[in-house]
Amino acid sequence: MAAKKTAGPGRDAKSPRKGASKKKARKRARKGAKKSLRKSAKPVASATAEAKLYTLTQLGQMASVSMPTLQKYKRLYQDRIPSVGEGRKQRYPREAVAVLEQLKKENLARRGRPRKSPAKAAKAAKRTSAVKKAAAKGAAAASDLLTLSEISRITNISYPTVSRYVKLFLDKIPHVGAGRLRRFPREAVAAFEALRSASRPGRPPKRTAAAPVKRSARGGGAARSAGLEARLRRIEKAQAGLAKQLAGVLETLKKPLQVTIKGR
């Protein structure tokens, strides 16, 4: 009869196989979970790529619209331009490029500044006409007043003198206004003429200085000639001395040289 298999050793041999199968099952489950995550991540990535947002500068570069024009479109057509967020964090999707291009086509015929409303233009015209009428009335009222240049021409007094009279005797001269707007009535002509007749003509005399002592030209010329003659004599004397020294040097050079060698 065949011997029966013992249960102990057989169970010990089967136990590692069961552990290995469990490990394999776990690995398979992990791989399946990773695959499912990858599959689910693909549509998310595509969705984020489709929902990419751009700044206003990037939007202008894509639509070939300048930044000032973009700001104007944003201010006027904010309800038509799709956007996300507010303020500095405001971003725009890809669809906003088509909206900007459409706005650019619509605004091509309306370049430059917008036209003023006729009501405002009428009001401005009324204001200008009123200002012109007031200016005409003021000019008519001021026609009797004279400027300082006209006073100078009428009285035949120079403009610097007339200005000096205004500076010194303004309380005696009838006038209206101050500064560059100062004007003078016709009565001021007599006041200026009276001031000229009362003032001394010309400039005030200068202080008399002591007259310089004149030297005789003849005496000065004689002294100069005597000094020149003395200088010439000194120069001639110096030249004669130099000539004597040179002659002595030449005489010594003409003489033969004598060389003596002393013994040790």
C-alpha atoms as a PDB file:
ATOM      1  CA  MET A   1       0.000   0.000   0.000  1.00  0.00           C
ATOM      2  CA  ALA A   2       1.112   3.492  -0.785  1.00  0.00           C
ATOM      3  CA  ALA A   3       2.188   5.613   2.061  1.00  0.00           C
ATOM      4  CA  LYS A   4      -0.106   8.483   3.004  1.00  0.00           C
ATOM      5  CA  LYS A   5       1.154  12.057   2.572  1.00  0.00           C
ATOM      6  CA  THR A   6       1.654  13.897   5.723  1.00  0.00           C
ATOM      7  CA  ALA A   7      -0.282  17.116   6.123  1.00  0.00           C
ATOM      8  CA  GLY A   8       2.420  19.101   7.905  1.00  0.00           C
ATOM      9  CA  PRO A   9       5.075  19.335   5.251  1.00  0.00           C
ATOM     10  CA  GLY A  10       2.501  19.871   2.478  1.00  0.00           C
ATOM     11  CA  ARG A  11       0.968  22.877   4.215  1.00  0.00           C
ATOM     12  CA  ASP A  12       4.369  24.391   4.809  1.00  0.00           C
ATOM     13  CA  ALA A  13       5.193  24.091   1.105  1.00  0.00           C
ATOM     14  CA  LYS A  14       1.919  25.695  -0.026  1.00  0.00           C
ATOM     15  CA  SER A  15       2.081  28.758   2.311  1.00  0.00           C
ATOM     16  CA  PRO A  16       4.738  30.736   0.341  1.00  0.00           C
ATOM     17  CA  ARG A  17       2.749  30.260  -2.843  1.00  0.00           C
ATOM     18  CA  LYS A  18      -0.291  31.855  -1.278  1.00  0.00           C
ATOM     19  CA  GLY A  19       1.795  34.879  -0.139  1.00  0.00           C
ATOM     20  CA  ALA A  20       3.258  35.326  -3.626  1.00  0.00           C
ATOM     21  CA  SER A  21      -0.177  35.274  -5.210  1.00  0.00           C
ATOM     22  CA  LYS A  22      -1.392  37.975  -2.807  1.00  0.00           C
ATOM     23  CA  LYS A  23       1.586  40.202  -3.688  1.00  0.00           C
ATOM     24  CA  LYS A  24       0.898  39.781  -7.399  1.00  0.00           C
ATOM     25  CA  ALA A  25      -2.737  40.699  -6.876  1.00  0.00           C
ATOM     26  CA  ARG A  26      -1.724  43.856  -5.044  1.00  0.00           C
ATOM     27  CA  LYS A  27       0.682  44.841  -7.832  1.00  0.00           C
ATOM     28  CA  ARG A  28      -2.020  44.301 -10.435  1.00  0.00           C
ATOM     29  CA  ALA A  29      -4.437  46.438  -8.433  1.00  0.00           C
ATOM     30  CA  ARG A  30      -1.877  49.243  -8.179  1.00  0.00           C
ATOM     31  CA  LYS A  31      -1.171  49.139 -11.912  1.00  0.00           C
ATOM     32  CA  GLY A  32      -4.872  49.273 -12.656  1.00  0.00           C
ATOM     33  CA  ALA A  33      -5.327  52.257 -10.366  1.00  0.00           C
ATOM     34  CA  LYS A  34      -2.426  54.092 -12.054  1.00  0.00           C
ATOM     35  CA  LYS A  35      -3.871  53.431 -15.500  1.00  0.00           C
ATOM     36  CA  SER A  36      -7.261  54.707 -14.429  1.00  0.00           C
ATOM     37  CA  LEU A  37      -5.655  57.848 -12.984  1.00  0.00           C
ATOM     38  CA  ARG A  38      -3.782  58.465 -16.232  1.00  0.00           C
ATOM     39  CA  LYS A  39      -6.938  58.049 -18.269  1.00  0.00           C
ATOM     40  CA  SER A  40      -8.848  60.405 -16.006  1.00  0.00           C
ATOM     41  CA  ALA A  41      -5.987  62.982 -16.076  1.00  0.00           C
ATOM     42  CA  LYS A  42      -6.048  63.271 -19.885  1.00  0.00           C
ATOM     43  CA  PRO A  43      -9.457  64.946 -20.135  1.00  0.00           C
ATOM     44  CA  VAL A  44      -8.569  67.230 -17.194  1.00  0.00           C
ATOM     45  CA  ALA A  45      -5.380  68.362 -18.957  1.00  0.00           C
ATOM     46  CA  SER A  46      -7.277  68.978 -22.175  1.00  0.00           C
ATOM     47  CA  ALA A  47      -9.897  70.942 -20.253  1.00  0.00           C
ATOM     48  CA  THR A  48      -7.225  73.121 -18.615  1.00  0.00           C
ATOM     49  CA  ALA A  49      -5.559  73.665 -21.997  1.00  0.00           C
ATOM     50  CA  GLU A  50      -8.880  74.775 -23.463  1.00  0.00           C
ATOM     51  CA  ALA A  51      -9.574  77.063 -20.483  1.00  0.00           C
ATOM     52  CA  LYS A  52      -6.201  78.831 -20.609  1.00  0.00           C
ATOM     53  CA  LEU A  53      -6.517  82.482 -19.657  1.00  0.00           C
ATOM     54  CA  TYR A  54      -4.526  85.446 -21.003  1.00  0.00           C
ATOM     55  CA  THR A  55      -3.660  88.912 -19.781  1.00  0.00           C
ATOM     56  CA  LEU A  56      -4.799  92.071 -21.543  1.00  0.00           C
ATOM     57  CA  THR A  57      -1.330  92.578 -23.036  1.00  0.00           C
ATOM     58  CA  GLN A  58      -1.260  89.055 -24.474  1.00  0.00           C
ATOM     59  CA  LEU A  59      -4.774  89.548 -25.795  1.00  0.00           C
ATOM     60  CA  GLY A  60      -3.716  92.754 -27.571  1.00  0.00           C
ATOM     61  CA  GLN A  61      -0.730  91.009 -29.159  1.00  0.00           C
ATOM     62  CA  MET A  62      -2.931  88.192 -30.465  1.00  0.00           C
ATOM     63  CA  ALA A  63      -5.597  90.587 -31.778  1.00  0.00           C
ATOM     64  CA  SER A  64      -3.083  93.251 -33.013  1.00  0.00           C
ATOM     65  CA  VAL A  65      -4.730  95.982 -30.947  1.00  0.00           C
ATOM     66  CA  SER A  66      -2.802  98.695 -29.086  1.00  0.00           C
ATOM     67  CA  MET A  67      -3.008  98.993 -25.322  1.00  0.00           C
ATOM     68  CA  PRO A  68      -4.878 102.367 -25.310  1.00  0.00           C
ATOM     69  CA  THR A  69      -7.480 100.915 -27.700  1.00  0.00           C
ATOM     70  CA  LEU A  70      -7.785  97.820 -25.511  1.00  0.00           C
ATOM     71  CA  GLN A  71      -8.406 100.004 -22.478  1.00  0.00           C
ATOM     72  CA  LYS A  72     -11.087 101.895 -24.402  1.00  0.00           C
ATOM     73  CA  TYR A  73     -12.785  98.661 -25.517  1.00  0.00           C
ATOM     74  CA  LYS A  74     -12.621  97.364 -21.964  1.00  0.00           C
ATOM     75  CA  ARG A  75     -14.263 100.548 -20.666  1.00  0.00           C
ATOM     76  CA  LEU A  76     -16.985 100.761 -23.331  1.00  0.00           C
ATOM     77  CA  TYR A  77     -17.729  97.116 -24.164  1.00  0.00           C
ATOM     78  CA  GLN A  78     -16.991  95.289 -20.939  1.00  0.00           C
ATOM     79  CA  ASP A  79     -20.240  93.332 -21.164  1.00  0.00           C
ATOM     80  CA  ARG A  80     -19.263  91.942 -24.589  1.00  0.00           C
ATOM     81  CA  ILE A  81     -15.704  90.859 -23.733  1.00  0.00           C
ATOM     82  CA  PRO A  82     -15.590  87.556 -21.790  1.00  0.00           C
ATOM     83  CA  SER A  83     -13.348  87.713 -18.731  1.00  0.00           C
ATOM     84  CA  VAL A  84     -12.582  86.015 -15.415  1.00  0.00           C
ATOM     85  CA  GLY A  85     -11.734  87.878 -12.211  1.00  0.00           C
ATOM     86  CA  GLU A  86     -11.519  91.585 -11.488  1.00  0.00           C
ATOM     87  CA  GLY A  87      -8.940  94.339 -11.268  1.00  0.00           C
ATOM     88  CA  ARG A  88      -5.323  93.385 -11.830  1.00  0.00           C
ATOM     89  CA  LYS A  89      -6.207  89.679 -11.636  1.00  0.00           C
ATOM     90  CA  GLN A  90      -8.665  89.893 -14.513  1.00  0.00           C
ATOM     91  CA  ARG A  91      -7.901  87.380 -17.291  1.00  0.00           C
ATOM     92  CA  TYR A  92      -9.472  86.626 -20.657  1.00  0.00           C
ATOM     93  CA  PRO A  93     -10.142  83.349 -22.520  1.00  0.00           C
ATOM     94  CA  ARG A  94      -9.246  82.635 -26.123  1.00  0.00           C
ATOM     95  CA  GLU A  95     -12.720  83.616 -27.319  1.00  0.00           C
ATOM     96  CA  ALA A  96     -12.028  87.250 -26.379  1.00  0.00           C
ATOM     97  CA  VAL A  97      -9.671  87.588 -29.376  1.00  0.00           C
ATOM     98  CA  ALA A  98     -12.549  87.174 -31.821  1.00  0.00           C
ATOM     99  CA  VAL A  99     -14.608  89.720 -29.871  1.00  0.00           C
ATOM    100  CA  LEU A 100     -11.774  92.261 -30.022  1.00  0.00           C
ATOM    101  CA  GLU A 101     -11.344  91.750 -33.764  1.00  0.00           C
ATOM    102  CA  GLN A 102     -15.069  92.325 -34.249  1.00  0.00           C
ATOM    103  CA  LEU A 103     -14.916  95.504 -32.162  1.00  0.00           C
ATOM    104  CA  LYS A 104     -11.956  96.711 -34.192  1.00  0.00           C
ATOM    105  CA  LYS A 105     -13.911  96.239 -37.441  1.00  0.00           C
ATOM    106  CA  GLU A 106     -16.890  98.084 -36.007  1.00  0.00           C
ATOM    107  CA  ASN A 107     -14.754 101.028 -34.883  1.00  0.00           C
ATOM    108  CA  LEU A 108     -12.737 101.430 -38.104  1.00  0.00           C
ATOM    109  CA  ALA A 109     -15.267 103.930 -39.461  1.00  0.00           C
ATOM    110  CA  ARG A 110     -15.268 105.906 -36.194  1.00  0.00           C
ATOM    111  CA  ARG A 111     -11.626 106.884 -35.813  1.00  0.00           C
ATOM    112  CA  GLY A 112     -10.546 109.982 -33.939  1.00  0.00           C
ATOM    113  CA  ARG A 113     -12.376 111.811 -31.211  1.00  0.00           C
ATOM    114  CA  PRO A 114     -16.134 111.321 -30.827  1.00  0.00           C
ATOM    115  CA  ARG A 115     -18.343 114.118 -32.090  1.00  0.00           C
ATOM    116  CA  LYS A 116     -19.686 116.568 -29.590  1.00  0.00           C
ATOM    117  CA  SER A 117     -23.380 116.577 -28.912  1.00  0.00           C
ATOM    118  CA  PRO A 118     -25.286 119.432 -30.649  1.00  0.00           C
ATOM    119  CA  ALA A 119     -26.759 120.604 -27.351  1.00  0.00           C
ATOM    120  CA  LYS A 120     -23.293 121.108 -25.857  1.00  0.00           C
ATOM    121  CA  ALA A 121     -22.118 122.857 -29.034  1.00  0.00           C
ATOM    122  CA  ALA A 122     -25.071 125.274 -28.867  1.00  0.00           C
ATOM    123  CA  LYS A 123     -24.330 126.064 -25.224  1.00  0.00           C
ATOM    124  CA  ALA A 124     -20.657 126.680 -26.040  1.00  0.00           C
ATOM    125  CA  ALA A 125     -21.651 129.001 -28.909  1.00  0.00           C
ATOM    126  CA  LYS A 126     -23.902 130.983 -26.571  1.00  0.00           C
ATOM    127  CA  ARG A 127     -21.107 131.296 -24.036  1.00  0.00           C
ATOM    128  CA  THR A 128     -18.607 132.515 -26.645  1.00  0.00           C
ATOM    129  CA  SER A 129     -21.083 135.063 -28.019  1.00  0.00           C
ATOM    130  CA  ALA A 130     -21.749 136.361 -24.504  1.00  0.00           C
ATOM    131  CA  VAL A 131     -18.025 136.657 -23.850  1.00  0.00           C
ATOM    132  CA  LYS A 132     -17.525 138.521 -27.131  1.00  0.00           C
ATOM    133  CA  LYS A 133     -20.327 140.949 -26.297  1.00  0.00           C
ATOM    134  CA  ALA A 134     -18.877 141.600 -22.849  1.00  0.00           C
ATOM    135  CA  ALA A 135     -15.440 142.158 -24.365  1.00  0.00           C
ATOM    136  CA  ALA A 136     -16.912 144.602 -26.894  1.00  0.00           C
ATOM    137  CA  LYS A 137     -18.646 146.528 -24.109  1.00  0.00           C
ATOM    138  CA  GLY A 138     -15.425 146.625 -22.109  1.00  0.00           C
ATOM    139  CA  ALA A 139     -13.490 147.855 -25.130  1.00  0.00           C
ATOM    140  CA  ALA A 140     -16.048 150.603 -25.737  1.00  0.00           C
ATOM    141  CA  ALA A 141     -15.863 151.671 -22.105  1.00  0.00           C
ATOM    142  CA  ALA A 142     -12.070 151.590 -22.116  1.00  0.00           C
ATOM    143  CA  SER A 143     -11.768 153.559 -25.370  1.00  0.00           C
ATOM    144  CA  ASP A 144     -11.540 156.806 -23.363  1.00  0.00           C
ATOM    145  CA  LEU A 145      -8.577 155.462 -21.364  1.00  0.00           C
ATOM    146  CA  LEU A 146      -5.000 155.723 -22.589  1.00  0.00           C
ATOM    147  CA  THR A 147      -2.016 153.461 -22.155  1.00  0.00           C
ATOM    148  CA  LEU A 148       1.352 154.723 -21.000  1.00  0.00           C
ATOM    149  CA  SER A 149       2.718 154.478 -24.544  1.00  0.00           C
ATOM    150  CA  GLU A 150      -0.121 156.677 -25.820  1.00  0.00           C
ATOM    151  CA  ILE A 151       0.529 159.174 -23.019  1.00  0.00           C
ATOM    152  CA  SER A 152       4.184 159.287 -24.067  1.00  0.00           C
ATOM    153  CA  ARG A 153       3.210 159.891 -27.712  1.00  0.00           C
ATOM    154  CA  ILE A 154       0.662 162.609 -26.895  1.00  0.00           C
ATOM    155  CA  THR A 155       2.845 164.534 -24.428  1.00  0.00           C
ATOM    156  CA  ASN A 156       6.024 164.031 -26.489  1.00  0.00           C
ATOM    157  CA  ILE A 157       7.812 162.704 -23.386  1.00  0.00           C
ATOM    158  CA  SER A 158      10.086 159.696 -23.652  1.00  0.00           C
ATOM    159  CA  TYR A 159       8.754 156.402 -22.325  1.00  0.00           C
ATOM    160  CA  PRO A 160      11.488 156.007 -19.640  1.00  0.00           C
ATOM    161  CA  THR A 161      10.647 159.484 -18.292  1.00  0.00           C
ATOM    162  CA  VAL A 162       6.921 158.737 -18.261  1.00  0.00           C
ATOM    163  CA  SER A 163       7.590 155.461 -16.411  1.00  0.00           C
ATOM    164  CA  ARG A 164       9.711 157.354 -13.883  1.00  0.00           C
ATOM    165  CA  TYR A 165       6.873 159.841 -13.301  1.00  0.00           C
ATOM    166  CA  VAL A 166       4.465 156.954 -12.680  1.00  0.00           C
ATOM    167  CA  LYS A 167       6.881 155.380 -10.223  1.00  0.00           C
ATOM    168  CA  LEU A 168       7.553 158.597  -8.274  1.00  0.00           C
ATOM    169  CA  PHE A 169       4.314 160.615  -8.567  1.00  0.00           C
ATOM    170  CA  LEU A 170       1.541 158.042  -9.022  1.00  0.00           C
ATOM    171  CA  ASP A 171      -0.590 159.724  -6.348  1.00  0.00           C
ATOM    172  CA  LYS A 172      -0.645 162.929  -8.441  1.00  0.00           C
ATOM    173  CA  ILE A 173      -1.588 161.184 -11.704  1.00  0.00           C
ATOM    174  CA  PRO A 174      -5.214 160.058 -12.279  1.00  0.00           C
ATOM    175  CA  HIS A 175      -5.311 156.398 -13.305  1.00  0.00           C
ATOM    176  CA  VAL A 176      -7.452 153.240 -13.344  1.00  0.00           C
ATOM    177  CA  GLY A 177      -6.212 149.731 -12.517  1.00  0.00           C
ATOM    178  CA  ALA A 178      -2.769 148.567 -11.506  1.00  0.00           C
ATOM    179  CA  GLY A 179       0.293 146.958 -13.008  1.00  0.00           C
ATOM    180  CA  ARG A 180       0.157 146.154 -16.710  1.00  0.00           C
ATOM    181  CA  LEU A 181      -3.606 146.841 -16.734  1.00  0.00           C
ATOM    182  CA  ARG A 182      -3.163 150.429 -15.519  1.00  0.00           C
ATOM    183  CA  ARG A 183      -4.817 152.988 -17.820  1.00  0.00           C
ATOM    184  CA  PHE A 184      -4.993 156.793 -17.735  1.00  0.00           C
ATOM    185  CA  PRO A 185      -7.864 159.176 -18.585  1.00  0.00           C
ATOM    186  CA  ARG A 186      -7.448 162.238 -20.779  1.00  0.00           C
ATOM    187  CA  GLU A 187      -6.924 164.410 -17.714  1.00  0.00           C
ATOM    188  CA  ALA A 188      -3.656 162.598 -17.019  1.00  0.00           C
ATOM    189  CA  VAL A 189      -2.022 164.313 -20.018  1.00  0.00           C
ATOM    190  CA  ALA A 190      -2.063 167.649 -18.201  1.00  0.00           C
ATOM    191  CA  ALA A 191      -0.643 166.005 -15.070  1.00  0.00           C
ATOM    192  CA  PHE A 192       2.293 164.542 -17.013  1.00  0.00           C
ATOM    193  CA  GLU A 193       2.994 167.878 -18.713  1.00  0.00           C
ATOM    194  CA  ALA A 194       2.950 169.651 -15.342  1.00  0.00           C
ATOM    195  CA  LEU A 195       5.418 167.124 -13.945  1.00  0.00           C
ATOM    196  CA  ARG A 196       7.742 167.672 -16.878  1.00  0.00           C
ATOM    197  CA  SER A 197       7.670 171.446 -16.511  1.00  0.00           C
ATOM    198  CA  ALA A 198       8.331 171.137 -12.758  1.00  0.00           C
ATOM    199  CA  SER A 199      11.215 168.710 -13.114  1.00  0.00           C
ATOM    200  CA  ARG A 200      14.721 169.714 -14.217  1.00  0.00           C
ATOM    201  CA  PRO A 201      15.540 168.878 -17.819  1.00  0.00           C
ATOM    202  CA  GLY A 202      18.272 166.355 -18.503  1.00  0.00           C
ATOM    203  CA  ARG A 203      20.254 164.277 -16.091  1.00  0.00           C
ATOM    204  CA  PRO A 204      21.461 165.678 -12.771  1.00  0.00           C
ATOM    205  CA  PRO A 205      25.026 167.050 -12.931  1.00  0.00           C
ATOM    206  CA  LYS A 206      27.796 164.791 -11.723  1.00  0.00           C
ATOM    207  CA  ARG A 207      30.098 165.700  -8.885  1.00  0.00           C
ATOM    208  CA  THR A 208      33.043 167.834  -9.982  1.00  0.00           C
ATOM    209  CA  ALA A 209      36.279 165.930  -9.634  1.00  0.00           C
ATOM    210  CA  ALA A 210      39.716 167.488  -9.299  1.00  0.00           C
ATOM    211  CA  ALA A 211      41.254 168.177 -12.676  1.00  0.00           C
ATOM    212  CA  PRO A 212      44.290 165.993 -13.388  1.00  0.00           C
ATOM    213  CA  VAL A 213      47.661 167.746 -13.460  1.00  0.00           C
ATOM    214  CA  LYS A 214      48.892 167.991 -17.015  1.00  0.00           C
ATOM    215  CA  ARG A 215      52.553 167.341 -17.583  1.00  0.00           C
ATOM    216  CA  SER A 216      54.440 169.086 -20.286  1.00  0.00           C
ATOM    217  CA  ALA A 217      55.005 166.873 -23.258  1.00  0.00           C
ATOM    218  CA  ARG A 218      58.395 168.455 -23.945  1.00  0.00           C
ATOM    219  CA  GLY A 219      59.838 167.689 -20.487  1.00  0.00           C
ATOM    220  CA  GLY A 220      58.613 164.125 -20.592  1.00  0.00           C
ATOM    221  CA  GLY A 221      60.176 163.536 -24.001  1.00  0.00           C
ATOM    222  CA  ALA A 222      63.586 164.827 -22.858  1.00  0.00           C
ATOM    223  CA  ALA A 223      63.577 162.562 -19.809  1.00  0.00           C
ATOM    224  CA  ARG A 224      62.692 159.555 -21.955  1.00  0.00           C
ATOM    225  CA  SER A 225      65.483 160.269 -24.456  1.00  0.00           C
ATOM    226  CA  ALA A 226      68.047 160.704 -21.626  1.00  0.00           C
ATOM    227  CA  GLY A 227      67.046 157.349 -20.139  1.00  0.00           C
ATOM    228  CA  LEU A 228      67.372 155.630 -23.515  1.00  0.00           C
ATOM    229  CA  GLU A 229      70.842 157.072 -24.080  1.00  0.00           C
ATOM    230  CA  ALA A 230      72.003 155.838 -20.660  1.00  0.00           C
ATOM    231  CA  ARG A 231      70.721 152.344 -21.426  1.00  0.00           C
ATOM    232  CA  LEU A 232      72.488 152.315 -24.788  1.00  0.00           C
ATOM    233  CA  ARG A 233      75.763 153.318 -23.153  1.00  0.00           C
ATOM    234  CA  ARG A 234      75.472 150.509 -20.602  1.00  0.00           C
ATOM    235  CA  ILE A 235      74.752 147.988 -23.350  1.00  0.00           C
ATOM    236  CA  GLU A 236      77.753 149.167 -25.386  1.00  0.00           C
ATOM    237  CA  LYS A 237      80.017 148.931 -22.342  1.00  0.00           C
ATOM    238  CA  ALA A 238      78.843 145.386 -21.616  1.00  0.00           C
ATOM    239  CA  GLN A 239      79.448 144.381 -25.228  1.00  0.00           C
ATOM    240  CA  ALA A 240      82.994 145.766 -25.106  1.00  0.00           C
ATOM    241  CA  GLY A 241      83.738 143.727 -21.975  1.00  0.00           C
ATOM    242  CA  LEU A 242      82.436 140.551 -23.634  1.00  0.00           C
ATOM    243  CA  ALA A 243      84.566 141.228 -26.700  1.00  0.00           C
ATOM    244  CA  LYS A 244      87.705 141.492 -24.533  1.00  0.00           C
ATOM    245  CA  GLN A 245      86.896 138.208 -22.780  1.00  0.00           C
ATOM    246  CA  LEU A 246      86.391 136.415 -26.081  1.00  0.00           C
ATOM    247  CA  ALA A 247      89.684 137.749 -27.424  1.00  0.00           C
ATOM    248  CA  GLY A 248      91.527 136.424 -24.377  1.00  0.00           C
ATOM    249  CA  VAL A 249      89.950 132.976 -24.791  1.00  0.00           C
ATOM    250  CA  LEU A 250      91.004 132.863 -28.440  1.00  0.00           C
ATOM    251  CA  GLU A 251      94.605 133.776 -27.584  1.00  0.00           C
ATOM    252  CA  THR A 252      94.861 130.953 -25.054  1.00  0.00           C
ATOM    253  CA  LEU A 253      93.480 128.470 -27.574  1.00  0.00           C
ATOM    254  CA  LYS A 254      96.071 129.474 -30.210  1.00  0.00           C
ATOM    255  CA  LYS A 255      99.013 128.778 -27.912  1.00  0.00           C
ATOM    256  CA  PRO A 256     100.604 125.261 -28.163  1.00  0.00           C
ATOM    257  CA  LEU A 257      99.837 122.837 -25.355  1.00  0.00           C
ATOM    258  CA  GLN A 258     102.656 121.479 -23.212  1.00  0.00           C
ATOM    259  CA  VAL A 259     102.132 118.102 -21.529  1.00  0.00           C
ATOM    260  CA  THR A 260     104.491 117.021 -18.733  1.00  0.00           C
ATOM    261  CA  ILE A 261     104.443 113.525 -17.264  1.00  0.00           C
ATOM    262  CA  LYS A 262     105.875 113.130 -13.793  1.00  0.00           C
ATOM    263  CA  GLY A 263     107.548 109.902 -12.882  1.00  0.00           C
ATOM    264  CA  ARG A 264     106.497 107.747  -9.972  1.00  0.00           C
END
